[in-house]
Amino acid sequence: MAYPLPFSEDVRDATQEICNVAMGVAGEALAEFSGVFVELPIPKIRFVDPAGVADALVGLRDGGKISGVIREVTLGQSFHYALVAITEEGLMDLAQQRDCPIDSADQAQTLIQELAEVITGHCLPALAEQLELDNLAMAPVELIDHNCPLEQFAIAQISEHSKLLAVEINYHLEGHPFNCDLVLLLPETHIPRWIERVEALL
């Protein structure tokens, strides 16, 4: 379920712009990783409960089964999750672009984790730079699910939180079926720190 955003329109616009810059940095890294130009739509911002996180994967809604990984992130005084999810067709396309055929579940999971490292490893430092924060810590990438229908996609790590701010960043390779989402998830209890940091930049 989605709820009204817990901050002003100015904070929303600034959040979108900060994430837009960071996603562009990751998009350049993804283009180098895949060898294909990356299309970047405007980030989407939602305030959801844990069950609504799958609904925040707007860019993957018609893509069939998906696979995903999650990474715990400490940014400043705030705790975040970085979720990377990709459609099965997108993963096969990426494997073709990388010239690394997938013959087993282990190979598929390795490629998903490499993809997540590229995206989060560039987007999150760029996000920290935008927020003028120098204490970024990222845990290892952790697999959530492989080849799972979107409606069954559940993330145990976030189940303890009542609500989360979800910023969806969709990555699409131009002229290809590759379709991937990075969703930054900020638990409700850490949102006041985010607002304070963003308002300091306005």
Protein backbone atom coordinates (compact mmCIF):
# COMPACT_ATOMS: atom_id res chain seq x y z
CA MET A 1 0.00 0.00 0.00
CA ALA A 2 1.16 3.54 -0.82
CA TYR A 3 0.73 6.54 1.47
CA PRO A 4 1.12 10.33 1.04
CA LEU A 5 4.77 11.43 1.06
CA PRO A 6 5.93 12.45 4.56
CA PHE A 7 7.58 15.70 3.49
CA SER A 8 7.07 18.89 1.52
CA GLU A 9 6.99 19.28 -2.25
CA ASP A 10 10.33 21.11 -2.08
CA VAL A 11 11.97 18.14 -0.32
CA ARG A 12 10.35 15.78 -2.81
CA ASP A 13 11.71 17.75 -5.78
CA ALA A 14 15.17 17.99 -4.21
CA THR A 15 15.17 14.25 -3.44
CA GLN A 16 14.26 13.50 -7.03
CA GLU A 17 17.00 15.76 -8.37
CA ILE A 18 19.67 14.38 -6.03
CA CYS A 19 18.77 10.82 -7.00
CA ASN A 20 18.61 11.79 -10.66
CA VAL A 21 22.23 12.96 -10.61
CA ALA A 22 23.37 9.83 -8.74
CA MET A 23 21.50 7.49 -11.08
CA GLY A 24 23.19 9.18 -14.03
CA VAL A 25 26.62 8.32 -12.61
CA ALA A 26 25.53 4.70 -12.22
CA GLY A 27 24.01 4.77 -15.70
CA GLU A 28 27.38 5.66 -17.20
CA ALA A 29 28.99 2.75 -15.32
CA LEU A 30 26.24 0.40 -16.49
CA ALA A 31 26.73 1.53 -20.10
CA GLU A 32 30.42 0.66 -19.80
CA PHE A 33 29.58 -2.68 -18.13
CA SER A 34 27.04 -3.65 -20.81
CA GLY A 35 28.49 -1.89 -23.85
CA VAL A 36 25.08 -0.32 -24.60
CA PHE A 37 23.66 3.19 -24.10
CA VAL A 38 21.46 3.36 -20.99
CA GLU A 39 18.10 5.14 -20.97
CA LEU A 40 17.22 6.85 -17.67
CA PRO A 41 13.68 8.00 -16.80
CA ILE A 42 12.94 10.34 -13.89
CA PRO A 43 13.10 8.59 -10.48
CA LYS A 44 9.74 7.73 -8.90
CA ILE A 45 9.19 8.37 -5.20
CA ARG A 46 6.67 6.49 -3.06
CA PHE A 47 5.94 5.99 0.64
CA VAL A 48 4.94 2.36 1.14
CA ASP A 49 4.60 -0.48 3.63
CA PRO A 50 6.81 -3.58 3.17
CA ALA A 51 4.12 -5.35 1.14
CA GLY A 52 3.97 -2.37 -1.19
CA VAL A 53 7.66 -2.47 -2.13
CA ALA A 54 6.94 -4.87 -5.00
CA ASP A 55 4.41 -2.32 -6.29
CA ALA A 56 7.21 0.25 -6.30
CA LEU A 57 8.99 -1.79 -8.99
CA VAL A 58 6.98 0.07 -11.63
CA GLY A 59 9.52 -0.42 -14.39
CA LEU A 60 9.39 -4.23 -14.04
CA ARG A 61 5.62 -4.66 -13.85
CA ASP A 62 5.22 -6.30 -17.26
CA GLY A 63 8.53 -8.13 -17.33
CA GLY A 64 7.54 -11.57 -16.06
CA LYS A 65 9.72 -13.22 -13.42
CA ILE A 66 12.38 -11.19 -11.66
CA SER A 67 15.51 -11.74 -9.60
CA GLY A 68 16.76 -9.40 -6.93
CA VAL A 69 19.50 -8.60 -4.46
CA ILE A 70 19.64 -6.21 -1.54
CA ARG A 71 22.44 -4.26 0.09
CA GLU A 72 22.37 -2.62 3.51
CA VAL A 73 23.76 0.91 3.43
CA THR A 74 24.68 3.46 6.09
CA LEU A 75 24.72 7.00 4.75
CA GLY A 76 25.51 9.73 7.21
CA GLN A 77 23.32 8.96 10.22
CA SER A 78 20.70 7.20 8.10
CA PHE A 79 20.25 3.51 7.37
CA HIS A 80 19.07 2.47 3.91
CA TYR A 81 18.52 -0.58 1.77
CA ALA A 82 19.51 -0.67 -1.90
CA LEU A 83 17.39 -3.16 -3.82
CA VAL A 84 18.40 -4.18 -7.36
CA ALA A 85 15.86 -6.21 -9.33
CA ILE A 86 16.00 -7.38 -12.93
CA THR A 87 13.66 -9.29 -15.23
CA GLU A 88 14.69 -12.72 -16.50
CA GLU A 89 14.65 -11.47 -20.09
CA GLY A 90 16.83 -8.54 -19.04
CA LEU A 91 19.31 -10.82 -17.36
CA MET A 92 19.59 -13.02 -20.46
CA ASP A 93 20.12 -9.91 -22.57
CA LEU A 94 22.84 -8.64 -20.24
CA ALA A 95 24.57 -12.04 -20.40
CA GLN A 96 24.55 -11.79 -24.19
CA GLN A 97 25.99 -8.26 -24.15
CA ARG A 98 28.67 -9.38 -21.70
CA ASP A 99 29.34 -12.54 -23.74
CA CYS A 100 28.96 -14.70 -20.64
CA PRO A 101 26.30 -17.38 -21.31
CA ILE A 102 24.27 -18.47 -18.29
CA ASP A 103 24.18 -22.25 -17.94
CA SER A 104 23.27 -22.54 -14.25
CA ALA A 105 21.52 -20.74 -11.40
CA ASP A 106 24.93 -20.01 -9.84
CA GLN A 107 26.11 -18.23 -13.00
CA ALA A 108 22.88 -16.23 -13.10
CA GLN A 109 23.27 -15.20 -9.47
CA THR A 110 26.89 -14.19 -10.05
CA LEU A 111 25.89 -11.92 -12.93
CA ILE A 112 23.07 -10.37 -10.88
CA GLN A 113 25.50 -9.66 -8.05
CA GLU A 114 28.04 -8.14 -10.46
CA LEU A 115 25.29 -5.95 -11.89
CA ALA A 116 24.26 -4.82 -8.41
CA GLU A 117 27.88 -4.03 -7.53
CA VAL A 118 28.19 -1.82 -10.62
CA ILE A 119 24.94 0.06 -10.00
CA THR A 120 25.08 0.50 -6.22
CA GLY A 121 28.85 0.94 -6.21
CA HIS A 122 28.48 4.05 -8.36
CA CYS A 123 25.04 5.40 -7.45
CA LEU A 124 25.46 5.39 -3.67
CA PRO A 125 28.82 7.23 -3.54
CA ALA A 126 27.37 9.79 -5.97
CA LEU A 127 24.36 10.12 -3.68
CA ALA A 128 26.65 10.67 -0.68
CA GLU A 129 28.53 13.33 -2.62
CA GLN A 130 25.28 15.13 -3.51
CA LEU A 131 24.29 15.12 0.16
CA GLU A 132 27.80 16.23 1.21
CA LEU A 133 28.27 13.17 3.40
CA ASP A 134 31.59 11.32 3.62
CA ASN A 135 30.69 8.37 5.86
CA LEU A 136 29.18 5.85 3.43
CA ALA A 137 29.29 2.16 4.39
CA MET A 138 27.91 -0.65 2.21
CA ALA A 139 27.41 -4.26 3.28
CA PRO A 140 27.97 -7.08 0.74
CA VAL A 141 25.26 -7.71 -1.85
CA GLU A 142 22.79 -10.35 -0.64
CA LEU A 143 20.55 -12.42 -2.94
CA ILE A 144 16.80 -12.15 -2.23
CA ASP A 145 15.16 -14.28 -4.89
CA HIS A 146 15.77 -15.74 -8.35
CA ASN A 147 13.10 -16.12 -11.05
CA CYS A 148 10.24 -15.07 -8.80
CA PRO A 149 6.86 -13.68 -9.96
CA LEU A 150 6.67 -10.00 -9.02
CA GLU A 151 3.50 -10.52 -7.00
CA GLN A 152 5.37 -13.04 -4.82
CA PHE A 153 8.47 -10.91 -4.41
CA ALA A 154 8.99 -10.45 -0.67
CA ILE A 155 11.96 -8.95 1.15
CA ALA A 156 12.50 -10.38 4.62
CA GLN A 157 15.04 -7.69 5.53
CA ILE A 158 12.42 -4.91 5.45
CA SER A 159 9.52 -6.76 7.07
CA GLU A 160 10.19 -5.23 10.51
CA HIS A 161 9.56 -1.69 9.27
CA SER A 162 6.05 -0.23 9.20
CA LYS A 163 6.68 2.11 6.28
CA LEU A 164 9.56 2.99 3.95
CA LEU A 165 10.40 5.73 1.51
CA ALA A 166 11.04 4.05 -1.85
CA VAL A 167 12.89 5.81 -4.67
CA GLU A 168 12.67 3.74 -7.85
CA ILE A 169 15.36 4.25 -10.48
CA ASN A 170 14.79 2.30 -13.69
CA TYR A 171 17.64 1.38 -16.05
CA HIS A 172 16.90 0.30 -19.61
CA LEU A 173 19.40 -0.50 -22.38
CA GLU A 174 18.46 1.33 -25.55
CA GLY A 175 17.03 -1.06 -28.13
CA HIS A 176 17.29 -4.05 -25.80
CA PRO A 177 14.93 -5.98 -23.49
CA PHE A 178 17.24 -5.30 -20.52
CA ASN A 179 15.14 -3.82 -17.73
CA CYS A 180 16.45 -3.27 -14.22
CA ASP A 181 15.37 -1.31 -11.14
CA LEU A 182 17.39 0.16 -8.33
CA VAL A 183 15.10 0.97 -5.41
CA LEU A 184 16.51 2.94 -2.50
CA LEU A 185 14.53 2.14 0.65
CA LEU A 186 14.66 4.40 3.69
CA PRO A 187 12.85 3.19 6.84
CA GLU A 188 10.31 5.63 8.25
CA THR A 189 12.34 6.20 11.44
CA HIS A 190 15.27 7.55 9.38
CA ILE A 191 13.24 9.89 7.18
CA PRO A 192 13.59 12.92 9.54
CA ARG A 193 17.39 12.76 9.10
CA TRP A 194 16.97 12.63 5.32
CA ILE A 195 14.66 15.67 5.41
CA GLU A 196 17.12 17.57 7.60
CA ARG A 197 20.00 16.84 5.24
CA VAL A 198 18.05 17.76 2.10
CA GLU A 199 16.65 20.94 3.62
CA ALA A 200 20.20 21.99 4.53
CA LEU A 201 21.04 21.90 0.82
CA LEU A 202 18.01 23.93 -0.33
